[in-house]
Amino acid sequence: MALDHGSTARARTATGRAETAGRQVVDGAAFGRAVAVLRLLISVTFLWAFLDKAFGWGYATPSSRAWVEGGSPAKGFLSGVAVGPLESTFHSMAGQVWVDWVFMLGLLGIGCALATGVGLRVAAVAGTVMMALMWAAEWPPAQHLSDGTPSMSTNPLIDYHVLYAAVLIVLALASAGRIYGLGRTWERLPFVARHRWLL
């Protein structure tokens, strides 16, 4: 019985393509789950910051300086800016009620968007602006806070604020709310379908 080498080669090629396609599907699903878990972890970061500043759980904010006790969530950070081109600007913003509200609503809104997987594009823009301002407040990294404590930043270009901003952008681009979130349901709403920037 003669072997059809052409048919055998074609069968091997088809099998190879099927195996490759199968791996891509698995890899794509695994990537989607990994990005969704990353989204949830980052959401906890923002929500924790909001809750600690609001109620003074004693981690970054003592209970006596909690927002619910009349404390200013942004004052300590902004008034602690010791050097840099925006020092006077940040000092003038420290303790302003509107700054506290914008900051706290930003933390809460970004955290909720990430937790639910809804509105990730808006969250990415808002979070990037917030992180850019916080990065600018800690630049240059050699600065010291008003009490003499070194700033958290140790890299003049890339620090955790830049990384958070980059992660927010990646999550929005990857539509990370579709898995372990309400992203798919949100996308199907007629209003959102007409205004894609709300995704």
Protein backbone atom coordinates (compact mmCIF):
# COMPACT_ATOMS: atom_id res chain seq x y z
CA MET A 1 0.00 0.00 0.00
CA ALA A 2 1.53 3.28 -1.13
CA LEU A 3 1.71 6.14 1.30
CA ASP A 4 0.40 9.52 0.25
CA HIS A 5 3.15 11.73 1.65
CA GLY A 6 1.25 14.87 0.65
CA SER A 7 -1.83 13.82 2.66
CA THR A 8 0.33 12.91 5.66
CA ALA A 9 2.10 16.28 5.57
CA ARG A 10 -1.22 18.09 5.27
CA ALA A 11 -2.64 16.11 8.19
CA ARG A 12 0.40 16.97 10.32
CA THR A 13 0.08 20.64 9.38
CA ALA A 14 -3.63 20.66 10.27
CA THR A 15 -2.91 18.91 13.57
CA GLY A 16 -0.16 21.42 14.35
CA ARG A 17 -2.49 24.33 13.61
CA ALA A 18 -5.21 22.84 15.80
CA GLU A 19 -2.76 22.36 18.67
CA THR A 20 -1.48 25.92 18.27
CA ALA A 21 -5.03 27.30 18.16
CA GLY A 22 -5.88 25.28 21.26
CA ARG A 23 -2.90 26.69 23.13
CA GLN A 24 -3.86 30.21 22.09
CA VAL A 25 -7.40 29.76 23.40
CA VAL A 26 -6.10 28.45 26.73
CA ASP A 27 -3.47 31.18 26.93
CA GLY A 28 -6.09 33.84 26.10
CA ALA A 29 -8.44 32.58 28.80
CA ALA A 30 -5.63 32.38 31.33
CA PHE A 31 -4.53 35.89 30.41
CA GLY A 32 -8.09 37.16 30.85
CA ARG A 33 -8.34 35.61 34.32
CA ALA A 34 -4.92 36.94 35.31
CA VAL A 35 -5.83 40.47 34.20
CA ALA A 36 -9.13 40.23 36.07
CA VAL A 37 -7.32 39.20 39.26
CA LEU A 38 -4.89 42.09 38.78
CA ARG A 39 -7.88 44.43 38.41
CA LEU A 40 -9.36 43.18 41.68
CA LEU A 41 -6.05 43.53 43.53
CA ILE A 42 -5.62 47.12 42.35
CA SER A 43 -9.23 47.86 43.32
CA VAL A 44 -8.43 46.83 46.90
CA THR A 45 -5.47 49.24 46.88
CA PHE A 46 -7.71 52.20 46.01
CA LEU A 47 -10.62 51.16 48.22
CA TRP A 48 -8.33 50.50 51.18
CA ALA A 49 -6.77 53.96 50.83
CA PHE A 50 -10.26 55.49 50.78
CA LEU A 51 -11.50 53.55 53.82
CA ASP A 52 -8.35 54.12 55.89
CA LYS A 53 -8.42 57.87 55.22
CA ALA A 54 -12.17 58.08 55.78
CA PHE A 55 -12.33 56.12 59.04
CA GLY A 56 -8.77 56.29 60.36
CA TRP A 57 -8.05 52.60 60.74
CA GLY A 58 -4.55 53.42 61.98
CA TYR A 59 -2.51 52.17 59.02
CA ALA A 60 -1.72 55.35 57.09
CA THR A 61 -4.23 57.50 58.95
CA PRO A 62 -4.65 57.60 62.74
CA SER A 63 -8.25 57.65 63.97
CA SER A 64 -7.86 61.22 65.25
CA ARG A 65 -7.16 62.43 61.68
CA ALA A 66 -9.92 60.42 59.97
CA TRP A 67 -12.08 62.25 57.45
CA VAL A 68 -15.22 61.41 59.45
CA GLU A 69 -13.58 63.10 62.47
CA GLY A 70 -12.97 66.31 60.52
CA GLY A 71 -9.47 65.47 59.31
CA SER A 72 -8.19 66.42 55.87
CA PRO A 73 -7.26 63.32 53.84
CA ALA A 74 -4.95 65.21 51.45
CA LYS A 75 -3.53 67.86 53.76
CA GLY A 76 -0.69 65.84 55.24
CA PHE A 77 0.56 64.68 51.86
CA LEU A 78 0.25 68.07 50.15
CA SER A 79 1.65 70.15 52.99
CA GLY A 80 4.58 67.74 53.26
CA VAL A 81 5.87 68.59 49.78
CA ALA A 82 9.24 70.14 50.57
CA VAL A 83 10.83 70.80 47.17
CA GLY A 84 10.03 70.73 43.49
CA PRO A 85 8.55 73.09 40.93
CA LEU A 86 4.98 72.66 42.24
CA GLU A 87 5.73 72.99 45.95
CA SER A 88 3.84 76.26 46.47
CA THR A 89 0.90 75.04 44.36
CA PHE A 90 0.51 71.89 46.45
CA HIS A 91 0.89 73.86 49.69
CA SER A 92 -1.91 76.19 48.63
CA MET A 93 -4.15 73.17 47.94
CA ALA A 94 -3.46 71.51 51.31
CA GLY A 95 -6.49 71.53 53.59
CA GLN A 96 -8.90 72.81 50.92
CA VAL A 97 -12.28 71.10 51.28
CA TRP A 98 -12.76 70.72 47.53
CA VAL A 99 -9.36 69.01 47.22
CA ASP A 100 -10.30 66.52 49.93
CA TRP A 101 -13.61 65.75 48.21
CA VAL A 102 -12.03 65.34 44.77
CA PHE A 103 -9.29 63.14 46.19
CA MET A 104 -11.62 60.92 48.22
CA LEU A 105 -14.24 60.61 45.48
CA GLY A 106 -11.43 59.77 43.08
CA LEU A 107 -10.17 56.96 45.31
CA LEU A 108 -13.69 55.63 45.84
CA GLY A 109 -14.75 55.94 42.19
CA ILE A 110 -11.61 54.34 40.79
CA GLY A 111 -11.76 51.56 43.40
CA CYS A 112 -15.43 50.81 42.67
CA ALA A 113 -14.90 50.87 38.90
CA LEU A 114 -12.04 48.39 39.24
CA ALA A 115 -13.95 46.17 41.67
CA THR A 116 -17.01 45.94 39.44
CA GLY A 117 -15.23 46.05 36.06
CA VAL A 118 -17.42 48.94 34.94
CA GLY A 119 -16.17 52.22 33.47
CA LEU A 120 -12.53 51.19 33.27
CA ARG A 121 -11.68 53.81 30.63
CA VAL A 122 -12.91 56.64 32.85
CA ALA A 123 -11.14 55.05 35.82
CA ALA A 124 -7.91 54.81 33.82
CA VAL A 125 -8.02 58.50 32.87
CA ALA A 126 -8.95 59.65 36.40
CA GLY A 127 -6.41 57.35 37.99
CA THR A 128 -3.65 58.43 35.63
CA VAL A 129 -4.31 62.10 36.41
CA MET A 130 -4.33 61.36 40.16
CA MET A 131 -1.13 59.32 39.96
CA ALA A 132 0.58 61.99 37.82
CA LEU A 133 -0.22 64.66 40.41
CA MET A 134 1.01 62.47 43.25
CA TRP A 135 4.17 61.65 41.28
CA ALA A 136 4.76 65.36 40.71
CA ALA A 137 4.30 66.03 44.43
CA GLU A 138 7.07 63.57 45.27
CA TRP A 139 9.47 64.72 42.56
CA PRO A 140 12.44 65.00 42.68
CA PRO A 141 12.85 61.79 44.71
CA ALA A 142 15.65 63.09 46.91
CA GLN A 143 13.27 65.47 48.67
CA HIS A 144 12.34 65.12 52.32
CA LEU A 145 8.96 65.73 53.86
CA SER A 146 8.47 68.63 56.25
CA ASP A 147 9.20 66.39 59.26
CA GLY A 148 12.54 65.30 57.75
CA THR A 149 11.30 61.90 56.58
CA PRO A 150 12.55 60.91 53.11
CA SER A 151 9.85 60.75 50.44
CA MET A 152 8.59 57.37 49.29
CA SER A 153 9.96 57.91 45.80
CA THR A 154 13.44 56.52 45.09
CA ASN A 155 13.48 56.62 41.30
CA PRO A 156 13.40 59.95 39.42
CA LEU A 157 11.29 58.57 36.58
CA ILE A 158 9.45 55.36 37.38
CA ASP A 159 7.91 54.89 40.81
CA TYR A 160 4.78 53.20 42.08
CA HIS A 161 2.54 56.06 40.88
CA VAL A 162 3.73 55.55 37.30
CA LEU A 163 3.26 51.79 37.62
CA TYR A 164 -0.29 52.17 38.95
CA ALA A 165 -1.14 54.50 36.07
CA ALA A 166 0.30 52.04 33.55
CA VAL A 167 -1.67 49.16 35.09
CA LEU A 168 -4.91 51.17 34.95
CA ILE A 169 -4.35 51.89 31.26
CA VAL A 170 -3.59 48.23 30.50
CA LEU A 171 -6.70 47.09 32.38
CA ALA A 172 -8.88 49.47 30.36
CA LEU A 173 -7.32 48.44 27.04
CA ALA A 174 -7.68 44.75 27.91
CA SER A 175 -11.38 45.15 28.82
CA ALA A 176 -10.49 43.52 32.12
CA GLY A 177 -14.01 43.93 33.52
CA ARG A 178 -15.45 41.15 31.37
CA ILE A 179 -14.14 38.39 33.64
CA TYR A 180 -15.02 38.38 37.36
CA GLY A 181 -16.87 41.62 36.78
CA LEU A 182 -19.89 43.30 35.24
CA GLY A 183 -18.06 44.51 32.14
CA ARG A 184 -20.00 42.43 29.59
CA THR A 185 -23.35 43.48 31.04
CA TRP A 186 -22.22 47.12 31.14
CA GLU A 187 -21.10 47.01 27.50
CA ARG A 188 -24.56 45.85 26.37
CA LEU A 189 -26.41 48.80 27.89
CA PRO A 190 -27.75 51.01 25.06
CA PHE A 191 -26.40 54.21 26.62
CA VAL A 192 -22.92 52.72 26.97
CA ALA A 193 -23.09 51.30 23.44
CA ARG A 194 -23.71 54.84 22.15
CA HIS A 195 -20.99 56.36 24.34
CA ARG A 196 -18.04 53.99 24.08
CA TRP A 197 -15.82 56.17 26.28
CA LEU A 198 -17.87 54.84 29.23
CA LEU A 199 -16.52 51.32 28.77
